[in-house]
Amino acid sequence: MTLTARQKQAINTKQHIFETAMEIFSKKNFDQVTINEICKASGVSTGAFYHYFQSKEHLLLEEYNRVDKFLLNAT
């Protein structure tokens, strides 16, 4: 299946938000990080954040899912 330019952009935006958030979480306590901080650092609007993730907690769920996939593929 070939992705459209818009689909590729959406994947890249979600990935960028995720990576930015993980970087911030590695430097600060999870509870101290705000969604506004993640949005500002990743250069997206709050609406864009909520389009891809329901909450900060869903960012962590995304990380757990990625680790699970990695571990399943590694065995």
C-alpha atoms as a PDB file:
ATOM      1  CA  MET A   1       0.000   0.000   0.000  1.00  0.00           C
ATOM      2  CA  THR A   2       1.372   3.396  -0.980  1.00  0.00           C
ATOM      3  CA  LEU A   3       0.876   6.270   1.422  1.00  0.00           C
ATOM      4  CA  THR A   4      -0.181   9.702   0.268  1.00  0.00           C
ATOM      5  CA  ALA A   5       1.919  12.750   1.099  1.00  0.00           C
ATOM      6  CA  ARG A   6      -0.668  13.729   3.720  1.00  0.00           C
ATOM      7  CA  GLN A   7      -0.526  10.296   5.366  1.00  0.00           C
ATOM      8  CA  LYS A   8       3.269  10.430   5.483  1.00  0.00           C
ATOM      9  CA  GLN A   9       3.104  13.912   7.014  1.00  0.00           C
ATOM     10  CA  ALA A  10       0.649  12.692   9.659  1.00  0.00           C
ATOM     11  CA  ILE A  11       2.922   9.780  10.574  1.00  0.00           C
ATOM     12  CA  ASN A  12       5.908  12.114  10.803  1.00  0.00           C
ATOM     13  CA  THR A  13       3.994  14.626  12.940  1.00  0.00           C
ATOM     14  CA  LYS A  14       2.854  11.945  15.386  1.00  0.00           C
ATOM     15  CA  GLN A  15       6.385  10.548  15.572  1.00  0.00           C
ATOM     16  CA  HIS A  16       7.836  14.019  16.153  1.00  0.00           C
ATOM     17  CA  ILE A  17       5.399  14.751  18.997  1.00  0.00           C
ATOM     18  CA  PHE A  18       6.156  11.366  20.536  1.00  0.00           C
ATOM     19  CA  GLU A  19       9.941  11.727  20.318  1.00  0.00           C
ATOM     20  CA  THR A  20       9.827  15.270  21.680  1.00  0.00           C
ATOM     21  CA  ALA A  21       7.696  14.173  24.621  1.00  0.00           C
ATOM     22  CA  MET A  22       9.991  11.234  25.412  1.00  0.00           C
ATOM     23  CA  GLU A  23      12.973  13.570  25.388  1.00  0.00           C
ATOM     24  CA  ILE A  24      11.249  15.949  27.798  1.00  0.00           C
ATOM     25  CA  PHE A  25      10.151  13.055  30.036  1.00  0.00           C
ATOM     26  CA  SER A  26      13.754  11.886  30.242  1.00  0.00           C
ATOM     27  CA  LYS A  27      14.748  15.257  31.686  1.00  0.00           C
ATOM     28  CA  LYS A  28      11.777  16.085  33.897  1.00  0.00           C
ATOM     29  CA  ASN A  29       9.334  14.258  36.113  1.00  0.00           C
ATOM     30  CA  PHE A  30       6.269  13.107  34.157  1.00  0.00           C
ATOM     31  CA  ASP A  31       3.926  15.069  36.434  1.00  0.00           C
ATOM     32  CA  GLN A  32       5.888  18.279  35.856  1.00  0.00           C
ATOM     33  CA  VAL A  33       5.525  18.142  32.076  1.00  0.00           C
ATOM     34  CA  THR A  34       2.515  19.839  30.514  1.00  0.00           C
ATOM     35  CA  ILE A  35       0.895  19.186  27.191  1.00  0.00           C
ATOM     36  CA  ASN A  36       1.504  22.838  26.336  1.00  0.00           C
ATOM     37  CA  GLU A  37       5.221  22.291  26.954  1.00  0.00           C
ATOM     38  CA  ILE A  38       5.245  19.266  24.655  1.00  0.00           C
ATOM     39  CA  CYS A  39       3.358  21.217  21.977  1.00  0.00           C
ATOM     40  CA  LYS A  40       5.675  24.199  22.184  1.00  0.00           C
ATOM     41  CA  ALA A  41       8.800  22.046  22.024  1.00  0.00           C
ATOM     42  CA  SER A  42       7.499  20.038  19.080  1.00  0.00           C
ATOM     43  CA  GLY A  43       6.092  23.060  17.249  1.00  0.00           C
ATOM     44  CA  VAL A  44       2.503  21.843  17.031  1.00  0.00           C
ATOM     45  CA  SER A  45      -0.812  23.172  18.255  1.00  0.00           C
ATOM     46  CA  THR A  46      -2.638  21.698  21.217  1.00  0.00           C
ATOM     47  CA  GLY A  47      -5.315  20.546  18.795  1.00  0.00           C
ATOM     48  CA  ALA A  48      -2.721  18.662  16.770  1.00  0.00           C
ATOM     49  CA  PHE A  49      -1.469  16.975  19.940  1.00  0.00           C
ATOM     50  CA  TYR A  50      -4.984  15.811  20.806  1.00  0.00           C
ATOM     51  CA  HIS A  51      -5.520  14.599  17.258  1.00  0.00           C
ATOM     52  CA  TYR A  52      -2.733  12.047  17.764  1.00  0.00           C
ATOM     53  CA  PHE A  53      -2.816  11.420  21.524  1.00  0.00           C
ATOM     54  CA  GLN A  54      -5.678  11.571  24.014  1.00  0.00           C
ATOM     55  CA  SER A  55      -3.422  12.580  26.911  1.00  0.00           C
ATOM     56  CA  LYS A  56       0.120  12.487  28.290  1.00  0.00           C
ATOM     57  CA  GLU A  57      -0.649   9.029  29.603  1.00  0.00           C
ATOM     58  CA  HIS A  58      -1.348   7.843  26.068  1.00  0.00           C
ATOM     59  CA  LEU A  59       2.193   8.825  25.129  1.00  0.00           C
ATOM     60  CA  LEU A  60       3.408   6.324  27.721  1.00  0.00           C
ATOM     61  CA  LEU A  61       1.015   3.687  26.399  1.00  0.00           C
ATOM     62  CA  GLU A  62       2.492   4.290  22.951  1.00  0.00           C
ATOM     63  CA  GLU A  63       5.969   3.689  24.368  1.00  0.00           C
ATOM     64  CA  TYR A  64       4.857   0.474  26.061  1.00  0.00           C
ATOM     65  CA  ASN A  65       3.274  -0.714  22.795  1.00  0.00           C
ATOM     66  CA  ARG A  66       6.484  -0.006  20.906  1.00  0.00           C
ATOM     67  CA  VAL A  67       8.550  -1.906  23.454  1.00  0.00           C
ATOM     68  CA  ASP A  68       6.115  -4.838  23.302  1.00  0.00           C
ATOM     69  CA  LYS A  69       6.345  -4.941  19.499  1.00  0.00           C
ATOM     70  CA  PHE A  70      10.125  -4.791  19.664  1.00  0.00           C
ATOM     71  CA  LEU A  71      10.289  -7.635  22.164  1.00  0.00           C
ATOM     72  CA  LEU A  72       7.866  -9.766  20.160  1.00  0.00           C
ATOM     73  CA  ASN A  73       9.900  -9.266  17.000  1.00  0.00           C
ATOM     74  CA  ALA A  74      13.190  -9.924  18.794  1.00  0.00           C
ATOM     75  CA  THR A  75      12.171 -13.440  19.816  1.00  0.00           C
END
